[in-house]
């Protein structure tokens, strides 16, 4: 009897001694499983971000098209110009050409005062040559712009084809796929007309699908940011055509999108968020006044602020 209890006591003591080791082993397995889950999640995130690079390149291609035709473009990779700057630069270049032409004409007039009547024909010929040279320069500039635009549109087809398997795998709705595809085809066909206003409008129509494509990814930049770009750009494009009813609708949509999105802006982004808020307010004000020139200026400021906010999200 005594021996039985002794053996039992020994076994019990041995079991108690083993329990910490067993529990430690279970804890280690659990910790290892958690690490595996975290590692898989990290790999998935890296893969998703890498995949979204294709969408980012597609978006950059649309911006290249806007830049080529002097439209309101966001800053693209490797570019130093601010959003909307290309359109401003083109207008300033045209103004400079006109100023240089006026200066040249004034100089010619001063020279002609000291010349004899017989030199009038020679001066007239020089003026004709100058006008012809400027016309040729403008035509070449226009030709180069459309060549760049055609290339951008052509590249869009290839990048879209490259992205398609990815977005369909992520569950993209067939309606979204068809909408983007149809918009791209319409843009390509219209480009043959060489009508800048219509092509830029269709380019922005194509861009309107970009936010929905971004919603398929866990990207750093929220889709709402892209949606604000679309509405702002449409305000600028439609104001150029005095289509103020559409401009007011787009301004209202821009304001609503920003109001909802503003609540998610974090502390480190608040300063830029405040700038964007005031710029949208100023844009809305000039739109109510139907001021085409100010709508263009204020629109570019809004795009610039959206670009700054996007950069902050990318750096998170």
C-alpha atoms as a PDB file:
ATOM      1  CA  UNK A   1       0.000   0.000   0.000  1.00  0.00           C
ATOM      2  CA  UNK A   2       2.830   2.308   0.944  1.00  0.00           C
ATOM      3  CA  UNK A   3       4.608   1.467  -2.308  1.00  0.00           C
ATOM      4  CA  UNK A   4       1.513   2.225  -4.359  1.00  0.00           C
ATOM      5  CA  UNK A   5       1.176   5.737  -2.912  1.00  0.00           C
ATOM      6  CA  UNK A   6       4.895   6.361  -3.400  1.00  0.00           C
ATOM      7  CA  UNK A   7       4.724   5.527  -7.094  1.00  0.00           C
ATOM      8  CA  UNK A   8       1.613   7.668  -7.494  1.00  0.00           C
ATOM      9  CA  UNK A   9       3.284  10.600  -5.787  1.00  0.00           C
ATOM     10  CA  UNK A  10       6.348  10.275  -7.976  1.00  0.00           C
ATOM     11  CA  UNK A  11       4.240  10.218 -11.173  1.00  0.00           C
ATOM     12  CA  UNK A  12       2.230  13.227 -10.024  1.00  0.00           C
ATOM     13  CA  UNK A  13       5.369  15.200  -9.244  1.00  0.00           C
ATOM     14  CA  UNK A  14       6.869  14.270 -12.609  1.00  0.00           C
ATOM     15  CA  UNK A  15       3.708  15.397 -14.413  1.00  0.00           C
ATOM     16  CA  UNK A  16       3.763  18.737 -12.607  1.00  0.00           C
ATOM     17  CA  UNK A  17       7.377  19.232 -13.613  1.00  0.00           C
ATOM     18  CA  UNK A  18       6.573  18.505 -17.286  1.00  0.00           C
ATOM     19  CA  UNK A  19       3.580  20.865 -17.518  1.00  0.00           C
ATOM     20  CA  UNK A  20       5.590  24.145 -17.936  1.00  0.00           C
ATOM     21  CA  UNK A  21       7.589  22.602 -20.749  1.00  0.00           C
ATOM     22  CA  UNK A  22       4.442  21.361 -22.508  1.00  0.00           C
ATOM     23  CA  UNK A  23       2.721  24.716 -22.067  1.00  0.00           C
ATOM     24  CA  UNK A  24       5.831  26.496 -23.292  1.00  0.00           C
ATOM     25  CA  UNK A  25       5.807  24.321 -26.389  1.00  0.00           C
ATOM     26  CA  UNK A  26       2.147  25.109 -27.078  1.00  0.00           C
ATOM     27  CA  UNK A  27       2.811  28.801 -26.556  1.00  0.00           C
ATOM     28  CA  UNK A  28       5.741  28.614 -28.946  1.00  0.00           C
ATOM     29  CA  UNK A  29       3.609  26.959 -31.616  1.00  0.00           C
ATOM     30  CA  UNK A  30       0.916  29.613 -31.191  1.00  0.00           C
ATOM     31  CA  UNK A  31       3.500  32.392 -31.439  1.00  0.00           C
ATOM     32  CA  UNK A  32       4.959  30.801 -34.551  1.00  0.00           C
ATOM     33  CA  UNK A  33       1.523  30.566 -36.142  1.00  0.00           C
ATOM     34  CA  UNK A  34       0.902  34.259 -35.447  1.00  0.00           C
ATOM     35  CA  UNK A  35       4.217  35.136 -37.075  1.00  0.00           C
ATOM     36  CA  UNK A  36       3.299  33.062 -40.124  1.00  0.00           C
ATOM     37  CA  UNK A  37      -0.050  34.863 -40.424  1.00  0.00           C
ATOM     38  CA  UNK A  38       1.647  38.252 -40.123  1.00  0.00           C
ATOM     39  CA  UNK A  39       4.260  37.275 -42.702  1.00  0.00           C
ATOM     40  CA  UNK A  40       1.601  36.110 -45.146  1.00  0.00           C
ATOM     41  CA  UNK A  41      -0.346  39.351 -44.641  1.00  0.00           C
ATOM     42  CA  UNK A  42       2.810  41.398 -45.276  1.00  0.00           C
ATOM     43  CA  UNK A  43       3.571  39.430 -48.445  1.00  0.00           C
ATOM     44  CA  UNK A  44      -0.003  39.896 -49.647  1.00  0.00           C
ATOM     45  CA  UNK A  45       0.201  43.654 -49.042  1.00  0.00           C
ATOM     46  CA  UNK A  46       3.503  43.916 -50.934  1.00  0.00           C
ATOM     47  CA  UNK A  47       2.031  41.923 -53.816  1.00  0.00           C
ATOM     48  CA  UNK A  48      -1.082  44.125 -53.969  1.00  0.00           C
ATOM     49  CA  UNK A  49       0.999  47.307 -53.944  1.00  0.00           C
ATOM     50  CA  UNK A  50       3.214  45.898 -56.677  1.00  0.00           C
ATOM     51  CA  UNK A  51       0.183  44.959 -58.755  1.00  0.00           C
ATOM     52  CA  UNK A  52      -1.291  48.442 -58.388  1.00  0.00           C
ATOM     53  CA  UNK A  53       1.827  49.815 -60.129  1.00  0.00           C
ATOM     54  CA  UNK A  54       0.205  48.767 -63.404  1.00  0.00           C
ATOM     55  CA  UNK A  55      -2.825  50.887 -62.590  1.00  0.00           C
ATOM     56  CA  UNK A  56      -0.557  53.775 -61.581  1.00  0.00           C
ATOM     57  CA  UNK A  57       1.227  53.599 -64.935  1.00  0.00           C
ATOM     58  CA  UNK A  58      -2.112  53.575 -66.739  1.00  0.00           C
ATOM     59  CA  UNK A  59      -3.123  56.697 -64.826  1.00  0.00           C
ATOM     60  CA  UNK A  60       0.201  58.385 -65.664  1.00  0.00           C
ATOM     61  CA  UNK A  61      -0.475  57.708 -69.334  1.00  0.00           C
ATOM     62  CA  UNK A  62      -3.750  59.638 -69.150  1.00  0.00           C
ATOM     63  CA  UNK A  63      -1.888  62.536 -67.533  1.00  0.00           C
ATOM     64  CA  UNK A  64       0.682  62.413 -70.345  1.00  0.00           C
ATOM     65  CA  UNK A  65      -2.176  62.843 -72.805  1.00  0.00           C
ATOM     66  CA  UNK A  66      -3.410  65.926 -70.941  1.00  0.00           C
ATOM     67  CA  UNK A  67       0.111  67.359 -70.903  1.00  0.00           C
ATOM     68  CA  UNK A  68       0.556  66.767 -74.633  1.00  0.00           C
ATOM     69  CA  UNK A  69      -2.588  68.716 -75.507  1.00  0.00           C
ATOM     70  CA  UNK A  70      -2.038  71.491 -72.967  1.00  0.00           C
ATOM     71  CA  UNK A  71      -4.881  70.371 -70.716  1.00  0.00           C
ATOM     72  CA  UNK A  72      -5.062  70.454 -66.900  1.00  0.00           C
ATOM     73  CA  UNK A  73      -2.689  67.641 -65.962  1.00  0.00           C
ATOM     74  CA  UNK A  74      -1.573  66.296 -62.615  1.00  0.00           C
ATOM     75  CA  UNK A  75       2.165  65.956 -62.041  1.00  0.00           C
ATOM     76  CA  UNK A  76       3.439  62.682 -63.522  1.00  0.00           C
ATOM     77  CA  UNK A  77       6.463  60.660 -62.497  1.00  0.00           C
ATOM     78  CA  UNK A  78       9.728  62.342 -63.444  1.00  0.00           C
ATOM     79  CA  UNK A  79       8.048  65.678 -64.149  1.00  0.00           C
ATOM     80  CA  UNK A  80       8.771  68.869 -62.221  1.00  0.00           C
ATOM     81  CA  UNK A  81       5.803  70.892 -63.400  1.00  0.00           C
ATOM     82  CA  UNK A  82       2.933  71.461 -60.986  1.00  0.00           C
ATOM     83  CA  UNK A  83      -0.592  70.165 -61.728  1.00  0.00           C
ATOM     84  CA  UNK A  84      -2.165  72.233 -64.475  1.00  0.00           C
ATOM     85  CA  UNK A  85       1.177  73.934 -65.170  1.00  0.00           C
ATOM     86  CA  UNK A  86       1.481  72.627 -68.740  1.00  0.00           C
ATOM     87  CA  UNK A  87      -1.665  74.449 -69.837  1.00  0.00           C
ATOM     88  CA  UNK A  88      -0.421  77.613 -68.151  1.00  0.00           C
ATOM     89  CA  UNK A  89       3.017  77.300 -69.786  1.00  0.00           C
ATOM     90  CA  UNK A  90       1.462  76.857 -73.224  1.00  0.00           C
ATOM     91  CA  UNK A  91      -0.641  79.992 -72.771  1.00  0.00           C
ATOM     92  CA  UNK A  92       2.377  81.957 -71.528  1.00  0.00           C
ATOM     93  CA  UNK A  93       4.455  80.767 -74.475  1.00  0.00           C
ATOM     94  CA  UNK A  94       1.751  81.933 -76.857  1.00  0.00           C
ATOM     95  CA  UNK A  95       1.677  85.301 -75.114  1.00  0.00           C
ATOM     96  CA  UNK A  96       5.461  85.553 -75.319  1.00  0.00           C
ATOM     97  CA  UNK A  97       5.364  84.753 -79.026  1.00  0.00           C
ATOM     98  CA  UNK A  98       2.793  87.484 -79.496  1.00  0.00           C
ATOM     99  CA  UNK A  99       4.851  89.967 -77.466  1.00  0.00           C
ATOM    100  CA  UNK A 100       7.995  89.140 -79.410  1.00  0.00           C
ATOM    101  CA  UNK A 101       6.096  89.598 -82.645  1.00  0.00           C
ATOM    102  CA  UNK A 102       4.784  92.994 -81.504  1.00  0.00           C
ATOM    103  CA  UNK A 103       8.285  94.052 -80.435  1.00  0.00           C
ATOM    104  CA  UNK A 104       9.620  92.999 -83.804  1.00  0.00           C
ATOM    105  CA  UNK A 105       6.910  94.916 -85.592  1.00  0.00           C
ATOM    106  CA  UNK A 106       7.605  98.042 -83.529  1.00  0.00           C
ATOM    107  CA  UNK A 107      11.310  97.774 -84.304  1.00  0.00           C
ATOM    108  CA  UNK A 108      10.551  97.441 -87.987  1.00  0.00           C
ATOM    109  CA  UNK A 109       8.367 100.550 -87.861  1.00  0.00           C
ATOM    110  CA  UNK A 110      11.184 102.567 -86.296  1.00  0.00           C
ATOM    111  CA  UNK A 111      13.598 101.376 -88.954  1.00  0.00           C
ATOM    112  CA  UNK A 112      11.168 102.134 -91.728  1.00  0.00           C
ATOM    113  CA  UNK A 113      10.977 105.801 -90.679  1.00  0.00           C
ATOM    114  CA  UNK A 114      14.583 106.314 -91.718  1.00  0.00           C
ATOM    115  CA  UNK A 115      14.307 104.387 -94.928  1.00  0.00           C
ATOM    116  CA  UNK A 116      13.402 105.615 -98.378  1.00  0.00           C
ATOM    117  CA  UNK A 117      10.120 104.810-100.068  1.00  0.00           C
ATOM    118  CA  UNK A 118      11.811 102.251-102.273  1.00  0.00           C
ATOM    119  CA  UNK A 119      12.585 100.070 -99.293  1.00  0.00           C
ATOM    120  CA  UNK A 120       8.902  99.650 -98.442  1.00  0.00           C
ATOM    121  CA  UNK A 121       8.562  96.598-100.629  1.00  0.00           C
ATOM    122  CA  UNK A 122      11.587  94.960 -98.975  1.00  0.00           C
ATOM    123  CA  UNK A 123      10.195  95.631 -95.479  1.00  0.00           C
ATOM    124  CA  UNK A 124       6.844  94.172 -96.468  1.00  0.00           C
ATOM    125  CA  UNK A 125       8.584  91.046 -97.712  1.00  0.00           C
ATOM    126  CA  UNK A 126      10.405  90.671 -94.381  1.00  0.00           C
ATOM    127  CA  UNK A 127       7.120  90.959 -92.512  1.00  0.00           C
ATOM    128  CA  UNK A 128       5.561  88.291 -94.726  1.00  0.00           C
ATOM    129  CA  UNK A 129       8.541  86.007 -94.087  1.00  0.00           C
ATOM    130  CA  UNK A 130       8.243  86.563 -90.348  1.00  0.00           C
ATOM    131  CA  UNK A 131       4.548  85.724 -90.351  1.00  0.00           C
ATOM    132  CA  UNK A 132       5.171  82.639 -92.461  1.00  0.00           C
ATOM    133  CA  UNK A 133       7.955  81.487 -90.113  1.00  0.00           C
ATOM    134  CA  UNK A 134       5.704  81.874 -87.058  1.00  0.00           C
ATOM    135  CA  UNK A 135       2.902  79.986 -88.785  1.00  0.00           C
ATOM    136  CA  UNK A 136       5.246  77.123 -89.648  1.00  0.00           C
ATOM    137  CA  UNK A 137       6.515  77.060 -86.071  1.00  0.00           C
ATOM    138  CA  UNK A 138       2.966  76.910 -84.689  1.00  0.00           C
ATOM    139  CA  UNK A 139       1.990  74.170 -87.127  1.00  0.00           C
ATOM    140  CA  UNK A 140       5.018  72.098 -86.139  1.00  0.00           C
ATOM    141  CA  UNK A 141       4.244  72.584 -82.448  1.00  0.00           C
ATOM    142  CA  UNK A 142       0.669  71.430 -83.052  1.00  0.00           C
ATOM    143  CA  UNK A 143       1.881  68.440 -85.050  1.00  0.00           C
ATOM    144  CA  UNK A 144       4.328  67.420 -82.309  1.00  0.00           C
ATOM    145  CA  UNK A 145       1.602  67.725 -79.668  1.00  0.00           C
ATOM    146  CA  UNK A 146      -0.726  65.393 -81.539  1.00  0.00           C
ATOM    147  CA  UNK A 147       2.084  62.909 -82.198  1.00  0.00           C
ATOM    148  CA  UNK A 148       2.712  62.753 -78.452  1.00  0.00           C
ATOM    149  CA  UNK A 149      -1.029  62.448 -77.798  1.00  0.00           C
ATOM    150  CA  UNK A 150      -1.398  59.624 -80.330  1.00  0.00           C
ATOM    151  CA  UNK A 151       1.458  57.735 -78.688  1.00  0.00           C
ATOM    152  CA  UNK A 152      -0.095  58.196 -75.239  1.00  0.00           C
ATOM    153  CA  UNK A 153      -3.445  56.862 -76.482  1.00  0.00           C
ATOM    154  CA  UNK A 154      -1.774  53.923 -78.199  1.00  0.00           C
ATOM    155  CA  UNK A 155       0.129  53.088 -75.005  1.00  0.00           C
ATOM    156  CA  UNK A 156      -3.133  53.242 -73.052  1.00  0.00           C
ATOM    157  CA  UNK A 157      -4.501  50.311 -75.047  1.00  0.00           C
ATOM    158  CA  UNK A 158      -1.449  48.167 -74.199  1.00  0.00           C
ATOM    159  CA  UNK A 159      -1.423  49.136 -70.519  1.00  0.00           C
ATOM    160  CA  UNK A 160      -5.160  48.488 -70.235  1.00  0.00           C
ATOM    161  CA  UNK A 161      -4.713  45.048 -71.793  1.00  0.00           C
ATOM    162  CA  UNK A 162      -1.907  44.356 -69.324  1.00  0.00           C
ATOM    163  CA  UNK A 163      -4.079  45.419 -66.373  1.00  0.00           C
ATOM    164  CA  UNK A 164      -7.279  43.615 -67.408  1.00  0.00           C
ATOM    165  CA  UNK A 165      -6.436  40.101 -66.101  1.00  0.00           C
ATOM    166  CA  UNK A 166      -5.469  41.624 -62.768  1.00  0.00           C
ATOM    167  CA  UNK A 167      -8.618  43.680 -62.181  1.00  0.00           C
ATOM    168  CA  UNK A 168     -10.931  40.879 -63.292  1.00  0.00           C
ATOM    169  CA  UNK A 169      -9.171  38.529 -60.877  1.00  0.00           C
ATOM    170  CA  UNK A 170      -9.793  41.073 -58.119  1.00  0.00           C
ATOM    171  CA  UNK A 171     -13.497  41.052 -58.892  1.00  0.00           C
ATOM    172  CA  UNK A 172     -13.911  44.041 -61.194  1.00  0.00           C
ATOM    173  CA  UNK A 173     -17.499  44.329 -62.363  1.00  0.00           C
ATOM    174  CA  UNK A 174     -18.035  43.637 -66.074  1.00  0.00           C
ATOM    175  CA  UNK A 175     -19.888  46.946 -66.284  1.00  0.00           C
ATOM    176  CA  UNK A 176     -16.758  48.805 -65.110  1.00  0.00           C
ATOM    177  CA  UNK A 177     -14.523  46.925 -67.533  1.00  0.00           C
ATOM    178  CA  UNK A 178     -16.836  47.660 -70.469  1.00  0.00           C
ATOM    179  CA  UNK A 179     -17.189  51.308 -69.438  1.00  0.00           C
ATOM    180  CA  UNK A 180     -13.426  51.852 -69.426  1.00  0.00           C
ATOM    181  CA  UNK A 181     -13.000  49.927 -72.664  1.00  0.00           C
ATOM    182  CA  UNK A 182     -15.736  51.914 -74.445  1.00  0.00           C
ATOM    183  CA  UNK A 183     -14.364  55.232 -73.163  1.00  0.00           C
ATOM    184  CA  UNK A 184     -10.899  54.344 -74.429  1.00  0.00           C
ATOM    185  CA  UNK A 185     -12.245  53.374 -77.853  1.00  0.00           C
ATOM    186  CA  UNK A 186     -14.282  56.593 -78.108  1.00  0.00           C
ATOM    187  CA  UNK A 187     -11.217  58.626 -77.144  1.00  0.00           C
ATOM    188  CA  UNK A 188      -9.104  56.895 -79.787  1.00  0.00           C
ATOM    189  CA  UNK A 189     -11.671  57.505 -82.517  1.00  0.00           C
ATOM    190  CA  UNK A 190     -12.175  61.174 -81.576  1.00  0.00           C
ATOM    191  CA  UNK A 191      -8.415  61.816 -81.608  1.00  0.00           C
ATOM    192  CA  UNK A 192      -8.526  61.540 -85.400  1.00  0.00           C
ATOM    193  CA  UNK A 193     -10.660  64.700 -85.525  1.00  0.00           C
ATOM    194  CA  UNK A 194      -7.808  66.727 -83.966  1.00  0.00           C
ATOM    195  CA  UNK A 195     -10.390  68.581 -81.845  1.00  0.00           C
ATOM    196  CA  UNK A 196      -8.594  69.326 -78.572  1.00  0.00           C
ATOM    197  CA  UNK A 197     -11.688  70.236 -76.550  1.00  0.00           C
ATOM    198  CA  UNK A 198     -13.495  67.010 -77.430  1.00  0.00           C
ATOM    199  CA  UNK A 199     -10.412  64.844 -76.921  1.00  0.00           C
ATOM    200  CA  UNK A 200      -9.659  66.379 -73.514  1.00  0.00           C
ATOM    201  CA  UNK A 201     -13.288  65.899 -72.457  1.00  0.00           C
ATOM    202  CA  UNK A 202     -13.158  62.223 -73.463  1.00  0.00           C
ATOM    203  CA  UNK A 203      -9.784  61.803 -71.754  1.00  0.00           C
ATOM    204  CA  UNK A 204     -11.344  62.994 -68.507  1.00  0.00           C
ATOM    205  CA  UNK A 205     -14.331  60.723 -69.104  1.00  0.00           C
ATOM    206  CA  UNK A 206     -11.834  57.874 -69.284  1.00  0.00           C
ATOM    207  CA  UNK A 207     -10.245  59.104 -66.063  1.00  0.00           C
ATOM    208  CA  UNK A 208     -13.642  58.989 -64.317  1.00  0.00           C
ATOM    209  CA  UNK A 209     -13.257  55.182 -64.133  1.00  0.00           C
ATOM    210  CA  UNK A 210      -9.836  55.361 -62.434  1.00  0.00           C
ATOM    211  CA  UNK A 211     -11.280  55.806 -58.887  1.00  0.00           C
ATOM    212  CA  UNK A 212     -13.391  52.647 -59.272  1.00  0.00           C
ATOM    213  CA  UNK A 213     -10.335  50.701 -60.427  1.00  0.00           C
ATOM    214  CA  UNK A 214      -8.327  51.931 -57.435  1.00  0.00           C
ATOM    215  CA  UNK A 215     -11.098  50.745 -55.105  1.00  0.00           C
ATOM    216  CA  UNK A 216     -10.138  47.169 -56.063  1.00  0.00           C
ATOM    217  CA  UNK A 217      -6.733  47.611 -54.416  1.00  0.00           C
ATOM    218  CA  UNK A 218      -5.480  48.393 -50.919  1.00  0.00           C
ATOM    219  CA  UNK A 219      -3.549  51.372 -52.250  1.00  0.00           C
ATOM    220  CA  UNK A 220      -2.101  54.144 -50.104  1.00  0.00           C
ATOM    221  CA  UNK A 221      -4.076  56.839 -51.921  1.00  0.00           C
ATOM    222  CA  UNK A 222      -7.856  56.599 -51.323  1.00  0.00           C
ATOM    223  CA  UNK A 223     -10.075  56.416 -54.450  1.00  0.00           C
ATOM    224  CA  UNK A 224     -11.862  59.593 -53.314  1.00  0.00           C
ATOM    225  CA  UNK A 225      -8.697  61.578 -54.070  1.00  0.00           C
ATOM    226  CA  UNK A 226      -8.860  60.418 -57.688  1.00  0.00           C
ATOM    227  CA  UNK A 227     -12.551  61.255 -57.833  1.00  0.00           C
ATOM    228  CA  UNK A 228     -11.816  64.828 -56.731  1.00  0.00           C
ATOM    229  CA  UNK A 229      -9.264  65.129 -59.539  1.00  0.00           C
ATOM    230  CA  UNK A 230     -11.919  64.109 -62.065  1.00  0.00           C
ATOM    231  CA  UNK A 231     -14.515  66.613 -60.827  1.00  0.00           C
ATOM    232  CA  UNK A 232     -11.998  69.473 -60.591  1.00  0.00           C
ATOM    233  CA  UNK A 233     -10.701  68.828 -64.072  1.00  0.00           C
ATOM    234  CA  UNK A 234     -14.213  68.676 -65.468  1.00  0.00           C
ATOM    235  CA  UNK A 235     -14.988  72.045 -63.881  1.00  0.00           C
ATOM    236  CA  UNK A 236     -12.002  73.526 -65.719  1.00  0.00           C
ATOM    237  CA  UNK A 237     -12.748  71.890 -69.066  1.00  0.00           C
ATOM    238  CA  UNK A 238     -16.464  72.671 -69.100  1.00  0.00           C
ATOM    239  CA  UNK A 239     -15.954  76.280 -67.968  1.00  0.00           C
ATOM    240  CA  UNK A 240     -13.805  76.801 -71.074  1.00  0.00           C
ATOM    241  CA  UNK A 241     -16.906  75.933 -73.107  1.00  0.00           C
ATOM    242  CA  UNK A 242     -19.218  78.094 -70.948  1.00  0.00           C
ATOM    243  CA  UNK A 243     -21.161  74.973 -69.988  1.00  0.00           C
ATOM    244  CA  UNK A 244     -21.975  76.429 -66.577  1.00  0.00           C
ATOM    245  CA  UNK A 245     -24.805  74.035 -65.707  1.00  0.00           C
ATOM    246  CA  UNK A 246     -22.402  71.097 -65.908  1.00  0.00           C
ATOM    247  CA  UNK A 247     -19.714  73.118 -64.137  1.00  0.00           C
ATOM    248  CA  UNK A 248     -22.038  73.767 -61.194  1.00  0.00           C
ATOM    249  CA  UNK A 249     -22.966  70.069 -60.976  1.00  0.00           C
ATOM    250  CA  UNK A 250     -19.311  69.031 -60.967  1.00  0.00           C
ATOM    251  CA  UNK A 251     -18.444  71.685 -58.373  1.00  0.00           C
ATOM    252  CA  UNK A 252     -21.215  70.376 -56.123  1.00  0.00           C
ATOM    253  CA  UNK A 253     -19.978  66.786 -56.582  1.00  0.00           C
ATOM    254  CA  UNK A 254     -16.426  67.891 -55.783  1.00  0.00           C
ATOM    255  CA  UNK A 255     -17.588  69.599 -52.600  1.00  0.00           C
ATOM    256  CA  UNK A 256     -19.642  66.573 -51.469  1.00  0.00           C
ATOM    257  CA  UNK A 257     -16.768  64.160 -52.109  1.00  0.00           C
ATOM    258  CA  UNK A 258     -14.366  66.354 -50.166  1.00  0.00           C
ATOM    259  CA  UNK A 259     -16.811  66.818 -47.264  1.00  0.00           C
ATOM    260  CA  UNK A 260     -17.064  63.040 -46.801  1.00  0.00           C
ATOM    261  CA  UNK A 261     -13.365  62.420 -47.300  1.00  0.00           C
ATOM    262  CA  UNK A 262     -12.208  65.292 -45.085  1.00  0.00           C
ATOM    263  CA  UNK A 263     -13.245  63.407 -41.942  1.00  0.00           C
ATOM    264  CA  UNK A 264     -10.568  60.776 -42.653  1.00  0.00           C
ATOM    265  CA  UNK A 265      -7.692  63.261 -43.000  1.00  0.00           C
ATOM    266  CA  UNK A 266      -5.153  62.680 -40.226  1.00  0.00           C
ATOM    267  CA  UNK A 267      -3.350  65.289 -38.119  1.00  0.00           C
ATOM    268  CA  UNK A 268      -0.157  65.343 -40.206  1.00  0.00           C
ATOM    269  CA  UNK A 269      -2.268  65.980 -43.311  1.00  0.00           C
ATOM    270  CA  UNK A 270      -4.499  68.633 -41.746  1.00  0.00           C
ATOM    271  CA  UNK A 271      -2.509  71.658 -42.961  1.00  0.00           C
ATOM    272  CA  UNK A 272      -2.696  70.514 -46.583  1.00  0.00           C
ATOM    273  CA  UNK A 273      -6.315  69.522 -46.033  1.00  0.00           C
ATOM    274  CA  UNK A 274      -7.131  73.053 -44.892  1.00  0.00           C
ATOM    275  CA  UNK A 275      -5.466  74.484 -48.009  1.00  0.00           C
ATOM    276  CA  UNK A 276      -7.518  72.167 -50.174  1.00  0.00           C
ATOM    277  CA  UNK A 277     -10.702  73.095 -48.335  1.00  0.00           C
ATOM    278  CA  UNK A 278     -10.199  76.829 -48.916  1.00  0.00           C
ATOM    279  CA  UNK A 279      -9.214  76.310 -52.565  1.00  0.00           C
ATOM    280  CA  UNK A 280     -12.430  74.366 -53.211  1.00  0.00           C
ATOM    281  CA  UNK A 281     -14.384  77.167 -51.556  1.00  0.00           C
ATOM    282  CA  UNK A 282     -12.681  79.757 -53.800  1.00  0.00           C
ATOM    283  CA  UNK A 283     -13.334  77.645 -56.891  1.00  0.00           C
ATOM    284  CA  UNK A 284     -17.015  77.366 -55.998  1.00  0.00           C
ATOM    285  CA  UNK A 285     -17.171  81.146 -55.588  1.00  0.00           C
ATOM    286  CA  UNK A 286     -15.770  81.989 -59.054  1.00  0.00           C
ATOM    287  CA  UNK A 287     -17.961  79.302 -60.628  1.00  0.00           C
ATOM    288  CA  UNK A 288     -21.034  81.023 -59.190  1.00  0.00           C
ATOM    289  CA  UNK A 289     -19.776  84.200 -60.885  1.00  0.00           C
ATOM    290  CA  UNK A 290     -19.303  82.299 -64.175  1.00  0.00           C
ATOM    291  CA  UNK A 291     -15.760  83.621 -64.466  1.00  0.00           C
ATOM    292  CA  UNK A 292     -13.964  81.417 -66.984  1.00  0.00           C
ATOM    293  CA  UNK A 293     -10.445  82.755 -66.388  1.00  0.00           C
ATOM    294  CA  UNK A 294     -10.642  82.524 -62.600  1.00  0.00           C
ATOM    295  CA  UNK A 295     -12.207  79.049 -62.793  1.00  0.00           C
ATOM    296  CA  UNK A 296      -9.098  77.903 -64.659  1.00  0.00           C
ATOM    297  CA  UNK A 297      -6.721  79.497 -62.124  1.00  0.00           C
ATOM    298  CA  UNK A 298      -8.612  78.313 -59.037  1.00  0.00           C
ATOM    299  CA  UNK A 299      -9.020  74.870 -60.582  1.00  0.00           C
ATOM    300  CA  UNK A 300      -5.263  74.536 -61.022  1.00  0.00           C
ATOM    301  CA  UNK A 301      -4.771  75.494 -57.372  1.00  0.00           C
ATOM    302  CA  UNK A 302      -7.229  72.782 -56.297  1.00  0.00           C
ATOM    303  CA  UNK A 303      -5.372  70.215 -58.420  1.00  0.00           C
ATOM    304  CA  UNK A 304      -2.084  71.330 -56.903  1.00  0.00           C
ATOM    305  CA  UNK A 305      -3.436  70.884 -53.367  1.00  0.00           C
ATOM    306  CA  UNK A 306      -4.857  67.467 -54.236  1.00  0.00           C
ATOM    307  CA  UNK A 307      -1.413  66.547 -55.549  1.00  0.00           C
ATOM    308  CA  UNK A 308       0.197  67.615 -52.260  1.00  0.00           C
ATOM    309  CA  UNK A 309      -2.332  65.593 -50.269  1.00  0.00           C
ATOM    310  CA  UNK A 310      -1.709  62.543 -52.477  1.00  0.00           C
ATOM    311  CA  UNK A 311       2.014  62.817 -51.817  1.00  0.00           C
ATOM    312  CA  UNK A 312       1.411  62.778 -48.054  1.00  0.00           C
ATOM    313  CA  UNK A 313      -0.603  59.563 -48.397  1.00  0.00           C
ATOM    314  CA  UNK A 314       2.154  57.969 -50.474  1.00  0.00           C
ATOM    315  CA  UNK A 315       4.733  58.802 -47.792  1.00  0.00           C
ATOM    316  CA  UNK A 316       2.704  57.188 -44.981  1.00  0.00           C
END
